[in-house]
Amino acid sequence: TLYQPTSGYFTVGALSVNTLAPGEHASFTLTPQTGLSVGTWNETIHVYGDHGVSTLVQATFQCVAGQDYTILSGNGSVFQYGGSGTLTIVASGALGDFTGLTLNGAFLGAGNYNVSSGSTIVTLHHNYLASLSPGTYALVFHYTNGRAQATFVIADKTAQTGDNDALAIFGLLAALSGAGLILLARRRKQAR
C-alpha cells in the first residue's frame, strides 16, 4: 500500500493506484502552488509504502514572470442556487494560449465548461453550477504566459435579504393606522 505524498512547493495529485503488485507502477501529478515567486523551485518528494518501501522523486519547476490578463465581462456574476441557465466569463487572453481553469485552487475539468474564441470566452455548464454550494468562488484562467482571475457567487435563493422588511413594517403601520381611525370614529359617534 502506498501513502499519498506531500510537498511544500507543489500540489500533489492523487496516486493513480494505492496498491501495487511486483512490476507495477503508480503515478501522480505535481502542480506548482499559486503565489510562488519568479525563480527555480526544487523539491524532493518522498513516496512511502508499507514494509519500509520508499522512493524519492526530484521535482523542478521554473516559475517565470507572467502577464496578468484582465476579465472583460462576467466578473462578480451571480447564479441562483437551484436556478437554471449558465454563467459566462470572458478573459482578455488569447484562446491559443489558454491552458485551463482552476476553481478555488482546484483543477476544473474541461467537461464542466465550454470555451470559445473572442479573447477567451468560458461558459460554465448548468449541471456544474448546480453542483456547487452557495458561496463565492475564484475562477482562474491559466495561459502559457499568465493568468486572469474572476469571482462569481452562487446565491442561496432561500436566504433572506431583508428587502421585504420595509414592506412588512409599512403593512403593520397601515393596519395600526386603520385600527386607530376606526376607534376614533367610534368614540366620536358615542360622544354625539
Protein backbone atom coordinates (compact mmCIF):
# COMPACT_ATOMS: atom_id res chain seq x y z
CA THR A 1 0.00 0.00 0.00
CA LEU A 2 1.27 3.45 -0.97
CA TYR A 3 0.61 6.60 1.01
CA GLN A 4 -0.27 9.93 -0.58
CA PRO A 5 2.92 12.02 -0.97
CA THR A 6 3.02 15.64 0.20
CA SER A 7 5.01 18.66 -0.88
CA GLY A 8 5.86 22.20 0.18
CA TYR A 9 6.06 23.87 -3.26
CA PHE A 10 3.76 21.65 -5.33
CA THR A 11 0.18 20.47 -5.11
CA VAL A 12 0.34 16.68 -5.35
CA GLY A 13 -2.44 14.96 -7.28
CA ALA A 14 -3.95 11.68 -6.13
CA LEU A 15 -1.97 8.50 -6.70
CA SER A 16 -3.18 6.52 -9.71
CA VAL A 17 -3.29 3.38 -7.54
CA ASN A 18 -2.65 2.71 -3.86
CA THR A 19 -1.75 -0.96 -4.06
CA LEU A 20 0.98 -2.34 -6.34
CA ALA A 21 1.97 -5.85 -7.35
CA PRO A 22 5.62 -6.55 -8.30
CA GLY A 23 6.49 -4.81 -11.57
CA GLU A 24 3.54 -2.39 -11.47
CA HIS A 25 3.84 1.37 -11.15
CA ALA A 26 1.85 4.30 -9.80
CA SER A 27 1.76 7.90 -10.94
CA PHE A 28 0.72 11.30 -9.61
CA THR A 29 0.79 14.86 -10.90
CA LEU A 30 2.60 17.87 -9.48
CA THR A 31 1.34 21.40 -9.96
CA PRO A 32 3.31 24.39 -8.68
CA GLN A 33 1.45 26.12 -5.86
CA THR A 34 -0.06 29.53 -6.50
CA GLY A 35 1.93 32.52 -5.37
CA LEU A 36 5.47 31.21 -5.92
CA SER A 37 7.90 33.98 -6.79
CA VAL A 38 9.91 34.05 -10.01
CA GLY A 39 12.78 31.54 -9.94
CA THR A 40 13.61 27.85 -9.95
CA TRP A 41 11.91 25.66 -7.39
CA ASN A 42 13.38 22.25 -6.48
CA GLU A 43 11.98 19.70 -4.12
CA THR A 44 12.44 16.04 -3.29
CA ILE A 45 9.10 14.27 -2.99
CA HIS A 46 9.12 11.22 -0.72
CA VAL A 47 6.77 8.37 -1.66
CA TYR A 48 6.27 5.84 1.13
CA GLY A 49 4.63 2.46 1.25
CA ASP A 50 4.11 -0.42 3.63
CA HIS A 51 7.01 -2.62 4.76
CA GLY A 52 9.54 0.23 4.67
CA VAL A 53 9.33 0.67 0.88
CA SER A 54 10.03 4.20 -0.33
CA THR A 55 11.39 6.15 -3.26
CA LEU A 56 12.40 9.74 -3.95
CA VAL A 57 11.21 11.88 -6.85
CA GLN A 58 13.15 15.03 -7.78
CA ALA A 59 10.82 17.81 -8.94
CA THR A 60 11.98 21.06 -10.54
CA PHE A 61 9.86 23.91 -11.78
CA GLN A 62 10.84 27.19 -13.39
CA CYS A 63 8.49 29.99 -12.37
CA VAL A 64 8.63 32.88 -14.86
CA ALA A 65 7.05 36.29 -14.75
CA GLY A 66 3.65 36.00 -16.37
CA GLN A 67 1.32 38.51 -17.84
CA ASP A 68 -1.74 39.39 -15.85
CA TYR A 69 -4.73 39.29 -18.14
CA THR A 70 -7.99 41.03 -17.31
CA ILE A 71 -11.58 39.87 -17.04
CA LEU A 72 -13.58 41.64 -19.73
CA SER A 73 -17.05 40.59 -18.62
CA GLY A 74 -18.79 38.33 -16.12
CA ASN A 75 -16.65 39.18 -13.09
CA GLY A 76 -18.84 39.21 -9.96
CA SER A 77 -21.69 37.36 -11.69
CA VAL A 78 -24.39 35.79 -9.54
CA PHE A 79 -26.00 32.41 -10.20
CA GLN A 80 -29.06 31.44 -8.15
CA TYR A 81 -28.58 28.13 -6.34
CA GLY A 82 -31.08 25.71 -7.84
CA GLY A 83 -31.66 28.07 -10.76
CA SER A 84 -31.38 27.44 -14.47
CA GLY A 85 -29.00 28.69 -17.13
CA THR A 86 -25.25 29.01 -17.43
CA LEU A 87 -22.61 31.54 -16.45
CA THR A 88 -20.24 33.17 -18.97
CA ILE A 89 -16.98 34.93 -18.11
CA VAL A 90 -14.63 36.48 -20.69
CA ALA A 91 -10.88 36.97 -20.16
CA SER A 92 -8.55 39.06 -22.35
CA GLY A 93 -6.01 36.30 -23.09
CA ALA A 94 -5.79 34.63 -26.50
CA LEU A 95 -7.57 31.29 -26.75
CA GLY A 96 -4.43 29.77 -28.32
CA ASP A 97 -2.52 30.42 -25.06
CA PHE A 98 -5.32 29.13 -22.79
CA THR A 99 -4.32 26.01 -20.80
CA GLY A 100 -7.28 25.54 -18.45
CA LEU A 101 -9.17 26.73 -15.38
CA THR A 102 -8.92 26.32 -11.64
CA LEU A 103 -11.79 26.94 -9.25
CA ASN A 104 -10.76 27.85 -5.70
CA GLY A 105 -7.33 26.39 -6.49
CA ALA A 106 -8.53 23.01 -7.83
CA PHE A 107 -8.27 21.99 -11.49
CA LEU A 108 -11.61 22.31 -13.29
CA GLY A 109 -12.20 19.52 -15.80
CA ALA A 110 -12.95 20.64 -19.38
CA GLY A 111 -16.24 18.71 -19.28
CA ASN A 112 -17.63 21.36 -16.90
CA TYR A 113 -17.42 24.26 -19.35
CA ASN A 114 -17.29 25.35 -22.99
CA VAL A 115 -14.53 27.61 -24.24
CA SER A 116 -14.52 29.68 -27.41
CA SER A 117 -12.51 32.47 -29.01
CA GLY A 118 -13.13 36.18 -28.88
CA SER A 119 -10.37 36.59 -26.31
CA THR A 120 -11.26 33.59 -24.08
CA ILE A 121 -14.98 33.04 -23.53
CA VAL A 122 -15.79 30.42 -20.88
CA THR A 123 -19.34 29.26 -20.24
CA LEU A 124 -19.77 27.14 -17.11
CA HIS A 125 -22.34 24.37 -17.65
CA HIS A 126 -25.61 24.43 -15.72
CA ASN A 127 -25.06 20.94 -14.27
CA TYR A 128 -21.69 22.01 -12.87
CA LEU A 129 -23.05 25.24 -11.39
CA ALA A 130 -25.94 23.30 -9.83
CA SER A 131 -23.41 21.04 -8.07
CA LEU A 132 -21.78 23.97 -6.24
CA SER A 133 -22.87 25.07 -2.78
CA PRO A 134 -23.87 28.69 -2.17
CA GLY A 135 -20.81 30.90 -1.71
CA THR A 136 -18.18 32.98 -3.51
CA TYR A 137 -15.81 31.26 -5.95
CA ALA A 138 -12.49 32.28 -7.51
CA LEU A 139 -12.13 31.18 -11.15
CA VAL A 140 -8.61 31.48 -12.58
CA PHE A 141 -7.96 31.38 -16.32
CA HIS A 142 -4.49 29.89 -16.93
CA TYR A 143 -2.43 30.74 -20.00
CA THR A 144 1.02 29.68 -21.16
CA ASN A 145 2.26 33.15 -20.20
CA GLY A 146 -0.05 34.43 -17.48
CA ARG A 147 -3.44 34.29 -15.84
CA ALA A 148 -6.66 36.19 -15.12
CA GLN A 149 -8.87 35.83 -12.08
CA ALA A 150 -12.62 36.33 -11.77
CA THR A 151 -15.07 35.72 -8.96
CA PHE A 152 -18.68 34.65 -9.06
CA VAL A 153 -21.33 33.92 -6.47
CA ILE A 154 -23.72 31.03 -6.08
CA ALA A 155 -26.56 32.76 -4.21
CA ASP A 156 -28.85 30.82 -1.89
CA LYS A 157 -32.36 31.75 -3.00
CA THR A 158 -33.73 30.80 0.41
CA ALA A 159 -31.56 33.37 2.17
CA GLN A 160 -33.45 36.38 3.46
CA THR A 161 -32.02 39.59 2.10
CA GLY A 162 -34.05 41.94 4.27
CA ASP A 163 -35.60 43.55 1.19
CA ASN A 164 -39.12 42.72 2.40
CA ASP A 165 -38.64 44.25 5.86
CA ALA A 166 -39.77 47.75 4.79
CA LEU A 167 -42.92 46.36 3.17
CA ALA A 168 -43.81 44.40 6.32
CA ILE A 169 -43.30 47.48 8.51
CA PHE A 170 -45.41 49.61 6.14
CA GLY A 171 -48.18 47.00 6.23
CA LEU A 172 -48.10 46.91 10.04
CA LEU A 173 -48.25 50.72 10.25
CA ALA A 174 -51.17 50.80 7.79
CA ALA A 175 -53.09 48.22 9.86
CA LEU A 176 -52.44 50.13 13.10
CA SER A 177 -53.46 53.41 11.46
CA GLY A 178 -56.66 51.81 10.19
CA ALA A 179 -57.46 50.44 13.63
CA GLY A 180 -56.80 53.89 15.16
CA LEU A 181 -59.15 55.56 12.69
CA ILE A 182 -61.90 53.04 13.45
CA LEU A 183 -61.53 53.64 17.21
CA LEU A 184 -61.55 57.40 16.69
CA ALA A 185 -64.73 57.17 14.57
CA ARG A 186 -66.49 55.04 17.24
CA ARG A 187 -65.58 57.48 20.02
CA ARG A 188 -66.88 60.45 18.02
CA LYS A 189 -70.08 58.54 17.33
CA GLN A 190 -70.50 57.73 21.06
CA ALA A 191 -69.79 61.32 22.02
CA ARG A 192 -72.74 62.60 19.92
